[in-house]
Amino acid sequence: MEKGTKKSSSSSKLRWGILRRALISSPSDDDQSETSVKSVSRKANRGFGLIPFQLVDNNQVKAEELVPASLPKAREACVCYTLPNQSATKLYLYQRVDTCANLDDFRICNTYDIDNTGLVCSWPSEEVLAYYCLSQLDLFRSKRVIELGSGYGLAGLVIAAATEASEVVISDGNPQVVEYIQCNITANSSVFGSTKVKSMMLHWNQEKLSSVSNSFDIIVASDCTFFKEFHTGLVQTVKCFLKKEGHSEAIFLGPRRGSSLDGFLMEVKENGLQFTVDDIYDQEIWRRHESFTKNNATWPNYEKDHCYPLLVRITL
């Protein structure tokens, strides 16, 4: 008991250190090693490593012509993803790189009643969703698709570039994130073929969604069930958006994270929707999960409950 208490106290101290470093920077920050921070952080530097990527020189891809001037002054990074498909399609994603918190982010979060996680990074579940969609090409062909809570839009862009969907809408509730989504759509327009692709500012509030109700064959989302206060709006959005005729479904990928996923699924059931949950839905993804479980050094503090995305499929 004493050892467990000591470990918990140490982890808490390190997490408070992460928060402190996000808010202010001081010479004393050097006393806290990067290794210690990684030992308590759930964030992965490389995720599951399913889609190869590398940083690209901003000057090479003319970042100043694409990143909206209305966004806060920050350092942008351009990441080039090479899809593991026959044509090795390349996608370029711009994202913000900050060394500390931007107070304007908090103002926007309060104004729009949203969070700013979409600005932090491309999260592992998004990469897994994008990879999974590449293995389900027939599911998306000639379909109208929307990604919810897209962040920088990796999965939506992959669907647009590789699946011959008729239309892909990439949405988020944070206006700053939506500007980056539009930037990334513009940067990759040459690989979409005949697929129509657009960004959308979308807050999960059914009262304002009547113009696009019953419009989509497929809904995709990753890591969108963590915040319990958004469960009701999220489920109502799914119910509102799915087409009532033919086969339509929502595909969610995200870790269980304690009771958060169960709470979301309870909301799904209470709204009269059907769902299935799978943990082994792709052999390669499962193999990498098992390797992280056995070798913690490759992903410090990896735990299935917090890191491994389950597959949830929802139908009317």
C-alpha atoms as a PDB file:
ATOM      1  CA  MET A   1       0.000   0.000   0.000  1.00  0.00           C
ATOM      2  CA  GLU A   2       2.813   2.335   0.901  1.00  0.00           C
ATOM      3  CA  LYS A   3       4.612   1.665  -2.386  1.00  0.00           C
ATOM      4  CA  GLY A   4       1.451   2.240  -4.416  1.00  0.00           C
ATOM      5  CA  THR A   5       0.792   5.529  -2.642  1.00  0.00           C
ATOM      6  CA  LYS A   6       4.331   6.693  -3.313  1.00  0.00           C
ATOM      7  CA  LYS A   7       4.071   5.825  -7.016  1.00  0.00           C
ATOM      8  CA  SER A   8       0.715   7.610  -7.357  1.00  0.00           C
ATOM      9  CA  SER A   9       2.087  10.697  -5.629  1.00  0.00           C
ATOM     10  CA  SER A  10       5.110  10.724  -7.928  1.00  0.00           C
ATOM     11  CA  SER A  11       2.951  10.412 -11.054  1.00  0.00           C
ATOM     12  CA  SER A  12       0.661  13.198  -9.862  1.00  0.00           C
ATOM     13  CA  LYS A  13       3.630  15.461  -9.286  1.00  0.00           C
ATOM     14  CA  LEU A  14       4.923  14.809 -12.793  1.00  0.00           C
ATOM     15  CA  ARG A  15       1.507  15.478 -14.339  1.00  0.00           C
ATOM     16  CA  TRP A  16       1.276  18.790 -12.483  1.00  0.00           C
ATOM     17  CA  GLY A  17       4.717  19.483 -13.897  1.00  0.00           C
ATOM     18  CA  ILE A  18       3.431  18.938 -17.428  1.00  0.00           C
ATOM     19  CA  LEU A  19       0.614  21.434 -16.777  1.00  0.00           C
ATOM     20  CA  ARG A  20       3.054  23.956 -15.303  1.00  0.00           C
ATOM     21  CA  ARG A  21       5.328  23.704 -18.333  1.00  0.00           C
ATOM     22  CA  ALA A  22       2.339  24.258 -20.629  1.00  0.00           C
ATOM     23  CA  LEU A  23       1.445  27.494 -18.849  1.00  0.00           C
ATOM     24  CA  ILE A  24       4.838  28.994 -18.104  1.00  0.00           C
ATOM     25  CA  SER A  25       8.444  28.406 -19.013  1.00  0.00           C
ATOM     26  CA  SER A  26      11.332  28.810 -16.597  1.00  0.00           C
ATOM     27  CA  PRO A  27      14.933  27.582 -16.185  1.00  0.00           C
ATOM     28  CA  SER A  28      13.823  25.189 -13.445  1.00  0.00           C
ATOM     29  CA  ASP A  29      11.875  23.209 -16.065  1.00  0.00           C
ATOM     30  CA  ASP A  30      15.171  21.646 -17.112  1.00  0.00           C
ATOM     31  CA  ASP A  31      15.206  19.803 -13.784  1.00  0.00           C
ATOM     32  CA  GLN A  32      12.341  17.634 -14.954  1.00  0.00           C
ATOM     33  CA  SER A  33      13.687  15.238 -17.528  1.00  0.00           C
ATOM     34  CA  GLU A  34      11.805  14.447 -20.724  1.00  0.00           C
ATOM     35  CA  THR A  35      12.013  10.770 -19.781  1.00  0.00           C
ATOM     36  CA  SER A  36      10.094  11.425 -16.561  1.00  0.00           C
ATOM     37  CA  VAL A  37       7.401  13.340 -18.399  1.00  0.00           C
ATOM     38  CA  LYS A  38       6.968  10.553 -20.933  1.00  0.00           C
ATOM     39  CA  SER A  39       6.597   8.007 -18.158  1.00  0.00           C
ATOM     40  CA  VAL A  40       3.259   9.516 -17.072  1.00  0.00           C
ATOM     41  CA  SER A  41       1.953  10.944 -20.360  1.00  0.00           C
ATOM     42  CA  ARG A  42      -0.589   8.942 -22.389  1.00  0.00           C
ATOM     43  CA  LYS A  43       0.394  10.779 -25.551  1.00  0.00           C
ATOM     44  CA  ALA A  44       2.398   8.786 -28.107  1.00  0.00           C
ATOM     45  CA  ASN A  45       5.079  10.415 -30.211  1.00  0.00           C
ATOM     46  CA  ARG A  46       4.528   8.025 -33.111  1.00  0.00           C
ATOM     47  CA  GLY A  47       1.232   6.340 -32.290  1.00  0.00           C
ATOM     48  CA  PHE A  48       0.768   2.852 -33.722  1.00  0.00           C
ATOM     49  CA  GLY A  49       3.132   3.508 -36.632  1.00  0.00           C
ATOM     50  CA  LEU A  50       0.614   2.238 -39.190  1.00  0.00           C
ATOM     51  CA  ILE A  51       0.998   5.076 -41.708  1.00  0.00           C
ATOM     52  CA  PRO A  52       4.578   6.292 -42.359  1.00  0.00           C
ATOM     53  CA  PHE A  53       5.076  10.035 -42.000  1.00  0.00           C
ATOM     54  CA  GLN A  54       7.800  12.644 -41.934  1.00  0.00           C
ATOM     55  CA  LEU A  55       8.131  16.353 -41.337  1.00  0.00           C
ATOM     56  CA  VAL A  56       8.358  18.455 -44.488  1.00  0.00           C
ATOM     57  CA  ASP A  57      10.091  21.805 -44.975  1.00  0.00           C
ATOM     58  CA  ASN A  58       7.338  24.456 -44.823  1.00  0.00           C
ATOM     59  CA  ASN A  59       9.058  26.482 -47.530  1.00  0.00           C
ATOM     60  CA  GLN A  60       8.912  23.498 -49.864  1.00  0.00           C
ATOM     61  CA  VAL A  61       5.113  23.339 -49.641  1.00  0.00           C
ATOM     62  CA  LYS A  62       4.449  27.097 -49.415  1.00  0.00           C
ATOM     63  CA  ALA A  63       2.910  27.120 -45.968  1.00  0.00           C
ATOM     64  CA  GLU A  64       2.436  30.884 -46.023  1.00  0.00           C
ATOM     65  CA  GLU A  65      -0.045  30.520 -48.891  1.00  0.00           C
ATOM     66  CA  LEU A  66      -2.152  27.891 -47.116  1.00  0.00           C
ATOM     67  CA  VAL A  67      -2.183  28.560 -43.360  1.00  0.00           C
ATOM     68  CA  PRO A  68      -4.959  31.109 -42.686  1.00  0.00           C
ATOM     69  CA  ALA A  69      -3.765  34.542 -41.584  1.00  0.00           C
ATOM     70  CA  SER A  70      -6.639  34.654 -39.069  1.00  0.00           C
ATOM     71  CA  LEU A  71      -5.088  31.914 -36.941  1.00  0.00           C
ATOM     72  CA  PRO A  72      -2.976  32.945 -33.909  1.00  0.00           C
ATOM     73  CA  LYS A  73       0.694  33.455 -34.611  1.00  0.00           C
ATOM     74  CA  ALA A  74       2.274  30.067 -34.004  1.00  0.00           C
ATOM     75  CA  ARG A  75       4.804  27.726 -35.522  1.00  0.00           C
ATOM     76  CA  GLU A  76       3.210  25.445 -38.110  1.00  0.00           C
ATOM     77  CA  ALA A  77       4.525  22.022 -39.016  1.00  0.00           C
ATOM     78  CA  CYS A  78       3.750  20.186 -42.221  1.00  0.00           C
ATOM     79  CA  VAL A  79       3.624  16.405 -41.921  1.00  0.00           C
ATOM     80  CA  CYS A  80       3.689  14.214 -45.026  1.00  0.00           C
ATOM     81  CA  TYR A  81       1.864  10.882 -44.659  1.00  0.00           C
ATOM     82  CA  THR A  82       2.534   8.140 -47.209  1.00  0.00           C
ATOM     83  CA  LEU A  83      -0.464   5.841 -47.374  1.00  0.00           C
ATOM     84  CA  PRO A  84       0.248   2.087 -47.394  1.00  0.00           C
ATOM     85  CA  ASN A  85      -1.799   1.571 -50.564  1.00  0.00           C
ATOM     86  CA  GLN A  86      -0.839   0.540 -54.082  1.00  0.00           C
ATOM     87  CA  SER A  87      -0.232   4.096 -55.263  1.00  0.00           C
ATOM     88  CA  ALA A  88       1.596   5.194 -52.070  1.00  0.00           C
ATOM     89  CA  THR A  89      -0.543   8.339 -51.989  1.00  0.00           C
ATOM     90  CA  LYS A  90       0.997  11.269 -50.134  1.00  0.00           C
ATOM     91  CA  LEU A  91      -1.067  13.536 -47.889  1.00  0.00           C
ATOM     92  CA  TYR A  92       0.192  16.801 -46.403  1.00  0.00           C
ATOM     93  CA  LEU A  93      -1.225  17.900 -43.058  1.00  0.00           C
ATOM     94  CA  TYR A  94      -0.495  21.269 -41.489  1.00  0.00           C
ATOM     95  CA  GLN A  95      -0.756  21.460 -37.739  1.00  0.00           C
ATOM     96  CA  ARG A  96       0.137  23.917 -35.035  1.00  0.00           C
ATOM     97  CA  VAL A  97       3.211  23.443 -32.879  1.00  0.00           C
ATOM     98  CA  ASP A  98       3.228  25.302 -29.557  1.00  0.00           C
ATOM     99  CA  THR A  99       5.635  25.110 -26.634  1.00  0.00           C
ATOM    100  CA  CYS A 100       3.111  26.535 -24.164  1.00  0.00           C
ATOM    101  CA  ALA A 101      -0.627  27.114 -23.868  1.00  0.00           C
ATOM    102  CA  ASN A 102      -2.253  29.893 -25.877  1.00  0.00           C
ATOM    103  CA  LEU A 103      -4.698  31.831 -23.691  1.00  0.00           C
ATOM    104  CA  ASP A 104      -6.812  32.643 -26.747  1.00  0.00           C
ATOM    105  CA  ASP A 105      -7.506  28.901 -27.052  1.00  0.00           C
ATOM    106  CA  PHE A 106      -9.251  28.923 -23.673  1.00  0.00           C
ATOM    107  CA  ARG A 107     -11.368  31.921 -24.685  1.00  0.00           C
ATOM    108  CA  ILE A 108     -12.501  30.132 -27.844  1.00  0.00           C
ATOM    109  CA  CYS A 109     -13.232  26.925 -25.915  1.00  0.00           C
ATOM    110  CA  ASN A 110     -15.436  28.844 -23.477  1.00  0.00           C
ATOM    111  CA  THR A 111     -17.178  30.762 -26.260  1.00  0.00           C
ATOM    112  CA  TYR A 112     -18.063  27.685 -28.318  1.00  0.00           C
ATOM    113  CA  ASP A 113     -18.383  25.174 -25.461  1.00  0.00           C
ATOM    114  CA  ILE A 114     -15.786  22.886 -27.011  1.00  0.00           C
ATOM    115  CA  ASP A 115     -12.322  21.565 -26.138  1.00  0.00           C
ATOM    116  CA  ASN A 116      -9.032  22.242 -27.902  1.00  0.00           C
ATOM    117  CA  THR A 117      -7.683  18.671 -28.153  1.00  0.00           C
ATOM    118  CA  GLY A 118      -7.914  18.853 -31.951  1.00  0.00           C
ATOM    119  CA  LEU A 119      -5.140  21.459 -31.936  1.00  0.00           C
ATOM    120  CA  VAL A 120      -2.743  19.453 -29.787  1.00  0.00           C
ATOM    121  CA  CYS A 121      -1.711  16.757 -32.275  1.00  0.00           C
ATOM    122  CA  SER A 122      -3.005  13.962 -34.482  1.00  0.00           C
ATOM    123  CA  TRP A 123      -4.035  11.393 -31.860  1.00  0.00           C
ATOM    124  CA  PRO A 124      -3.289   7.653 -32.172  1.00  0.00           C
ATOM    125  CA  SER A 125      -6.953   6.685 -32.612  1.00  0.00           C
ATOM    126  CA  GLU A 126      -7.167   8.980 -35.654  1.00  0.00           C
ATOM    127  CA  GLU A 127      -4.274   7.131 -37.277  1.00  0.00           C
ATOM    128  CA  VAL A 128      -5.894   3.771 -36.481  1.00  0.00           C
ATOM    129  CA  LEU A 129      -9.202   4.979 -37.956  1.00  0.00           C
ATOM    130  CA  ALA A 130      -7.450   6.134 -41.136  1.00  0.00           C
ATOM    131  CA  TYR A 131      -5.638   2.795 -41.462  1.00  0.00           C
ATOM    132  CA  TYR A 132      -8.838   0.845 -40.830  1.00  0.00           C
ATOM    133  CA  CYS A 133     -10.692   2.821 -43.512  1.00  0.00           C
ATOM    134  CA  LEU A 134      -7.981   1.880 -46.017  1.00  0.00           C
ATOM    135  CA  SER A 135      -8.897  -1.769 -45.466  1.00  0.00           C
ATOM    136  CA  GLN A 136     -12.610  -1.078 -46.070  1.00  0.00           C
ATOM    137  CA  LEU A 137     -12.549   0.589 -49.488  1.00  0.00           C
ATOM    138  CA  ASP A 138     -15.810  -0.985 -50.718  1.00  0.00           C
ATOM    139  CA  LEU A 139     -17.646   0.326 -47.664  1.00  0.00           C
ATOM    140  CA  PHE A 140     -17.036   3.946 -48.712  1.00  0.00           C
ATOM    141  CA  ARG A 141     -17.216   3.728 -52.499  1.00  0.00           C
ATOM    142  CA  SER A 142     -19.846   6.122 -53.924  1.00  0.00           C
ATOM    143  CA  LYS A 143     -20.997   6.984 -50.383  1.00  0.00           C
ATOM    144  CA  ARG A 144     -21.507  10.313 -48.651  1.00  0.00           C
ATOM    145  CA  VAL A 145     -19.266  10.423 -45.578  1.00  0.00           C
ATOM    146  CA  ILE A 146     -18.735  12.791 -42.649  1.00  0.00           C
ATOM    147  CA  GLU A 147     -15.996  12.708 -40.033  1.00  0.00           C
ATOM    148  CA  LEU A 148     -16.949  14.118 -36.633  1.00  0.00           C
ATOM    149  CA  GLY A 149     -14.447  15.766 -34.283  1.00  0.00           C
ATOM    150  CA  SER A 150     -11.823  15.487 -36.998  1.00  0.00           C
ATOM    151  CA  GLY A 151      -8.931  17.452 -35.544  1.00  0.00           C
ATOM    152  CA  TYR A 152      -6.502  17.998 -38.420  1.00  0.00           C
ATOM    153  CA  GLY A 153      -8.550  15.602 -40.558  1.00  0.00           C
ATOM    154  CA  LEU A 154      -6.257  12.654 -41.295  1.00  0.00           C
ATOM    155  CA  ALA A 155      -8.994   9.989 -41.503  1.00  0.00           C
ATOM    156  CA  GLY A 156     -11.320  12.147 -43.588  1.00  0.00           C
ATOM    157  CA  LEU A 157      -8.513  13.024 -45.995  1.00  0.00           C
ATOM    158  CA  VAL A 158      -7.554   9.346 -46.317  1.00  0.00           C
ATOM    159  CA  ILE A 159     -11.162   8.438 -47.168  1.00  0.00           C
ATOM    160  CA  ALA A 160     -11.298  11.257 -49.718  1.00  0.00           C
ATOM    161  CA  ALA A 161      -8.009  10.265 -51.339  1.00  0.00           C
ATOM    162  CA  ALA A 162      -8.299   6.475 -51.395  1.00  0.00           C
ATOM    163  CA  THR A 163     -11.878   5.170 -51.294  1.00  0.00           C
ATOM    164  CA  GLU A 164     -13.765   6.803 -54.214  1.00  0.00           C
ATOM    165  CA  ALA A 165     -16.401   8.189 -51.846  1.00  0.00           C
ATOM    166  CA  SER A 166     -18.803  10.572 -53.592  1.00  0.00           C
ATOM    167  CA  GLU A 167     -18.418  13.257 -50.896  1.00  0.00           C
ATOM    168  CA  VAL A 168     -16.433  13.654 -47.688  1.00  0.00           C
ATOM    169  CA  VAL A 169     -17.233  16.308 -45.106  1.00  0.00           C
ATOM    170  CA  ILE A 170     -14.524  16.859 -42.474  1.00  0.00           C
ATOM    171  CA  SER A 171     -15.948  18.587 -39.404  1.00  0.00           C
ATOM    172  CA  ASP A 172     -15.000  19.909 -35.992  1.00  0.00           C
ATOM    173  CA  GLY A 173     -16.583  22.185 -33.395  1.00  0.00           C
ATOM    174  CA  ASN A 174     -13.497  24.355 -32.887  1.00  0.00           C
ATOM    175  CA  PRO A 175     -13.278  27.189 -35.453  1.00  0.00           C
ATOM    176  CA  GLN A 176      -9.481  27.242 -35.276  1.00  0.00           C
ATOM    177  CA  VAL A 177      -9.355  23.522 -36.068  1.00  0.00           C
ATOM    178  CA  VAL A 178     -11.796  23.967 -38.964  1.00  0.00           C
ATOM    179  CA  GLU A 179      -9.466  26.534 -40.524  1.00  0.00           C
ATOM    180  CA  TYR A 180      -6.646  24.001 -40.405  1.00  0.00           C
ATOM    181  CA  ILE A 181      -8.957  21.359 -41.906  1.00  0.00           C
ATOM    182  CA  GLN A 182      -9.706  23.677 -44.835  1.00  0.00           C
ATOM    183  CA  CYS A 183      -5.992  24.376 -45.189  1.00  0.00           C
ATOM    184  CA  ASN A 184      -5.312  20.623 -45.373  1.00  0.00           C
ATOM    185  CA  ILE A 185      -8.110  20.066 -47.891  1.00  0.00           C
ATOM    186  CA  THR A 186      -6.613  22.763 -50.118  1.00  0.00           C
ATOM    187  CA  ALA A 187      -3.119  21.286 -49.784  1.00  0.00           C
ATOM    188  CA  ASN A 188      -4.303  17.848 -50.930  1.00  0.00           C
ATOM    189  CA  SER A 189      -6.970  18.722 -53.506  1.00  0.00           C
ATOM    190  CA  SER A 190      -4.996  17.124 -56.350  1.00  0.00           C
ATOM    191  CA  VAL A 191      -5.419  13.582 -54.954  1.00  0.00           C
ATOM    192  CA  PHE A 192      -9.187  13.566 -54.393  1.00  0.00           C
ATOM    193  CA  GLY A 193     -10.201  12.711 -57.957  1.00  0.00           C
ATOM    194  CA  SER A 194     -13.962  13.155 -58.389  1.00  0.00           C
ATOM    195  CA  THR A 195     -14.652  13.056 -54.632  1.00  0.00           C
ATOM    196  CA  LYS A 196     -16.109  16.302 -53.292  1.00  0.00           C
ATOM    197  CA  VAL A 197     -14.363  17.358 -50.079  1.00  0.00           C
ATOM    198  CA  LYS A 198     -15.281  20.209 -47.762  1.00  0.00           C
ATOM    199  CA  SER A 199     -14.787  21.393 -44.200  1.00  0.00           C
ATOM    200  CA  MET A 200     -17.633  22.075 -41.786  1.00  0.00           C
ATOM    201  CA  MET A 201     -17.957  23.874 -38.486  1.00  0.00           C
ATOM    202  CA  LEU A 202     -20.122  21.499 -36.472  1.00  0.00           C
ATOM    203  CA  HIS A 203     -21.189  21.603 -32.853  1.00  0.00           C
ATOM    204  CA  TRP A 204     -23.042  18.489 -31.702  1.00  0.00           C
ATOM    205  CA  ASN A 205     -26.387  20.204 -31.221  1.00  0.00           C
ATOM    206  CA  GLN A 206     -29.254  18.577 -33.100  1.00  0.00           C
ATOM    207  CA  GLU A 207     -31.411  21.720 -33.057  1.00  0.00           C
ATOM    208  CA  LYS A 208     -29.058  23.306 -35.585  1.00  0.00           C
ATOM    209  CA  LEU A 209     -28.549  20.293 -37.860  1.00  0.00           C
ATOM    210  CA  SER A 210     -31.849  20.082 -39.732  1.00  0.00           C
ATOM    211  CA  SER A 211     -30.304  21.206 -43.053  1.00  0.00           C
ATOM    212  CA  VAL A 212     -28.152  18.045 -43.235  1.00  0.00           C
ATOM    213  CA  SER A 213     -30.367  15.552 -41.417  1.00  0.00           C
ATOM    214  CA  ASN A 214     -30.513  11.996 -42.816  1.00  0.00           C
ATOM    215  CA  SER A 215     -27.799  12.933 -45.340  1.00  0.00           C
ATOM    216  CA  PHE A 216     -24.894  10.548 -44.736  1.00  0.00           C
ATOM    217  CA  ASP A 217     -24.267   6.900 -45.523  1.00  0.00           C
ATOM    218  CA  ILE A 218     -21.220   6.677 -43.258  1.00  0.00           C
ATOM    219  CA  ILE A 219     -20.149   8.607 -40.165  1.00  0.00           C
ATOM    220  CA  VAL A 220     -16.621   8.145 -38.834  1.00  0.00           C
ATOM    221  CA  ALA A 221     -15.069   9.462 -35.634  1.00  0.00           C
ATOM    222  CA  SER A 222     -12.071   8.783 -33.419  1.00  0.00           C
ATOM    223  CA  ASP A 223     -11.482   9.609 -29.768  1.00  0.00           C
ATOM    224  CA  CYS A 224     -14.777  11.513 -29.513  1.00  0.00           C
ATOM    225  CA  THR A 225     -16.314   9.742 -26.495  1.00  0.00           C
ATOM    226  CA  PHE A 226     -13.876  10.838 -23.779  1.00  0.00           C
ATOM    227  CA  PHE A 227     -15.819  13.918 -22.625  1.00  0.00           C
ATOM    228  CA  LYS A 228     -18.993  12.637 -20.985  1.00  0.00           C
ATOM    229  CA  GLU A 229     -20.749  16.010 -21.169  1.00  0.00           C
ATOM    230  CA  PHE A 230     -20.803  15.691 -24.973  1.00  0.00           C
ATOM    231  CA  HIS A 231     -22.308  12.167 -25.118  1.00  0.00           C
ATOM    232  CA  THR A 232     -25.918  13.246 -25.544  1.00  0.00           C
ATOM    233  CA  GLY A 233     -25.194  15.735 -28.322  1.00  0.00           C
ATOM    234  CA  LEU A 234     -22.869  13.318 -30.091  1.00  0.00           C
ATOM    235  CA  VAL A 235     -25.408  10.478 -30.133  1.00  0.00           C
ATOM    236  CA  GLN A 236     -28.181  12.823 -31.276  1.00  0.00           C
ATOM    237  CA  THR A 237     -25.923  14.040 -34.088  1.00  0.00           C
ATOM    238  CA  VAL A 238     -25.316  10.458 -35.233  1.00  0.00           C
ATOM    239  CA  LYS A 239     -29.036   9.691 -35.124  1.00  0.00           C
ATOM    240  CA  CYS A 240     -29.834  12.876 -37.031  1.00  0.00           C
ATOM    241  CA  PHE A 241     -27.177  12.465 -39.747  1.00  0.00           C
ATOM    242  CA  LEU A 242     -27.541   8.794 -40.740  1.00  0.00           C
ATOM    243  CA  LYS A 243     -29.700   8.089 -43.769  1.00  0.00           C
ATOM    244  CA  LYS A 244     -32.859   6.209 -42.929  1.00  0.00           C
ATOM    245  CA  GLU A 245     -33.026   4.374 -46.247  1.00  0.00           C
ATOM    246  CA  GLY A 246     -30.501   1.705 -47.306  1.00  0.00           C
ATOM    247  CA  HIS A 247     -27.550   0.687 -45.143  1.00  0.00           C
ATOM    248  CA  SER A 248     -25.994   3.477 -43.095  1.00  0.00           C
ATOM    249  CA  GLU A 249     -23.717   3.276 -40.084  1.00  0.00           C
ATOM    250  CA  ALA A 250     -21.371   5.168 -37.799  1.00  0.00           C
ATOM    251  CA  ILE A 251     -17.846   3.861 -37.202  1.00  0.00           C
ATOM    252  CA  PHE A 252     -16.217   5.029 -33.971  1.00  0.00           C
ATOM    253  CA  LEU A 253     -12.715   4.180 -32.798  1.00  0.00           C
ATOM    254  CA  GLY A 254     -11.508   5.080 -29.326  1.00  0.00           C
ATOM    255  CA  PRO A 255     -10.145   3.627 -26.071  1.00  0.00           C
ATOM    256  CA  ARG A 256     -12.501   2.534 -23.309  1.00  0.00           C
ATOM    257  CA  ARG A 257     -10.996   5.061 -20.824  1.00  0.00           C
ATOM    258  CA  GLY A 258     -12.641   3.898 -17.632  1.00  0.00           C
ATOM    259  CA  SER A 259     -16.404   4.370 -17.851  1.00  0.00           C
ATOM    260  CA  SER A 260     -16.446   6.996 -20.627  1.00  0.00           C
ATOM    261  CA  LEU A 261     -17.050   4.614 -23.542  1.00  0.00           C
ATOM    262  CA  ASP A 262     -19.616   2.608 -21.564  1.00  0.00           C
ATOM    263  CA  GLY A 263     -21.458   5.834 -20.773  1.00  0.00           C
ATOM    264  CA  PHE A 264     -21.524   6.745 -24.453  1.00  0.00           C
ATOM    265  CA  LEU A 265     -22.847   3.296 -25.409  1.00  0.00           C
ATOM    266  CA  MET A 266     -25.576   3.593 -22.769  1.00  0.00           C
ATOM    267  CA  GLU A 267     -26.632   6.854 -24.412  1.00  0.00           C
ATOM    268  CA  VAL A 268     -26.608   5.098 -27.805  1.00  0.00           C
ATOM    269  CA  LYS A 269     -28.921   2.387 -26.466  1.00  0.00           C
ATOM    270  CA  GLU A 270     -31.267   4.867 -24.804  1.00  0.00           C
ATOM    271  CA  ASN A 271     -31.677   6.642 -28.148  1.00  0.00           C
ATOM    272  CA  GLY A 272     -32.869   3.429 -29.792  1.00  0.00           C
ATOM    273  CA  LEU A 273     -29.729   2.787 -31.840  1.00  0.00           C
ATOM    274  CA  GLN A 274     -27.995  -0.575 -32.311  1.00  0.00           C
ATOM    275  CA  PHE A 275     -24.261  -1.105 -31.788  1.00  0.00           C
ATOM    276  CA  THR A 276     -21.477  -3.678 -31.734  1.00  0.00           C
ATOM    277  CA  VAL A 277     -18.066  -3.426 -30.034  1.00  0.00           C
ATOM    278  CA  ASP A 278     -14.943  -5.269 -31.245  1.00  0.00           C
ATOM    279  CA  ASP A 279     -11.403  -5.272 -29.898  1.00  0.00           C
ATOM    280  CA  ILE A 280      -9.800  -7.511 -32.557  1.00  0.00           C
ATOM    281  CA  TYR A 281     -10.955  -5.918 -35.828  1.00  0.00           C
ATOM    282  CA  ASP A 282      -7.639  -5.839 -37.693  1.00  0.00           C
ATOM    283  CA  GLN A 283      -4.782  -8.300 -37.224  1.00  0.00           C
ATOM    284  CA  GLU A 284      -1.985  -5.770 -37.789  1.00  0.00           C
ATOM    285  CA  ILE A 285      -3.447  -3.237 -35.351  1.00  0.00           C
ATOM    286  CA  TRP A 286      -3.907  -5.983 -32.757  1.00  0.00           C
ATOM    287  CA  ARG A 287      -0.354  -7.237 -33.308  1.00  0.00           C
ATOM    288  CA  ARG A 288       1.054  -3.786 -32.607  1.00  0.00           C
ATOM    289  CA  HIS A 289      -1.126  -3.458 -29.524  1.00  0.00           C
ATOM    290  CA  GLU A 290       0.302  -6.703 -28.183  1.00  0.00           C
ATOM    291  CA  SER A 291       3.853  -5.568 -28.900  1.00  0.00           C
ATOM    292  CA  PHE A 292       3.302  -2.323 -26.946  1.00  0.00           C
ATOM    293  CA  THR A 293       1.841  -4.335 -24.076  1.00  0.00           C
ATOM    294  CA  LYS A 294       4.892  -6.622 -23.948  1.00  0.00           C
ATOM    295  CA  ASN A 295       7.532  -3.949 -24.576  1.00  0.00           C
ATOM    296  CA  ASN A 296       6.595  -0.811 -22.634  1.00  0.00           C
ATOM    297  CA  ALA A 297       9.759   0.977 -23.737  1.00  0.00           C
ATOM    298  CA  THR A 298       8.377   1.541 -27.252  1.00  0.00           C
ATOM    299  CA  TRP A 299       5.322   3.376 -25.858  1.00  0.00           C
ATOM    300  CA  PRO A 300       5.920   4.509 -22.267  1.00  0.00           C
ATOM    301  CA  ASN A 301       2.927   4.011 -19.965  1.00  0.00           C
ATOM    302  CA  TYR A 302       0.931   2.135 -22.622  1.00  0.00           C
ATOM    303  CA  GLU A 303      -2.279   0.651 -21.218  1.00  0.00           C
ATOM    304  CA  LYS A 304      -5.102  -0.927 -23.213  1.00  0.00           C
ATOM    305  CA  ASP A 305      -7.823   0.954 -21.344  1.00  0.00           C
ATOM    306  CA  HIS A 306      -6.319   4.348 -22.185  1.00  0.00           C
ATOM    307  CA  CYS A 307      -4.485   3.725 -25.455  1.00  0.00           C
ATOM    308  CA  TYR A 308      -5.996   0.911 -27.531  1.00  0.00           C
ATOM    309  CA  PRO A 309      -8.991   2.014 -29.659  1.00  0.00           C
ATOM    310  CA  LEU A 310     -11.998  -0.309 -29.736  1.00  0.00           C
ATOM    311  CA  LEU A 311     -14.190  -0.449 -32.831  1.00  0.00           C
ATOM    312  CA  VAL A 312     -17.807   0.608 -32.314  1.00  0.00           C
ATOM    313  CA  ARG A 313     -20.298   0.295 -35.181  1.00  0.00           C
ATOM    314  CA  ILE A 314     -23.658   2.029 -34.746  1.00  0.00           C
ATOM    315  CA  THR A 315     -26.763   1.582 -36.886  1.00  0.00           C
ATOM    316  CA  LEU A 316     -30.327   2.886 -36.762  1.00  0.00           C
END
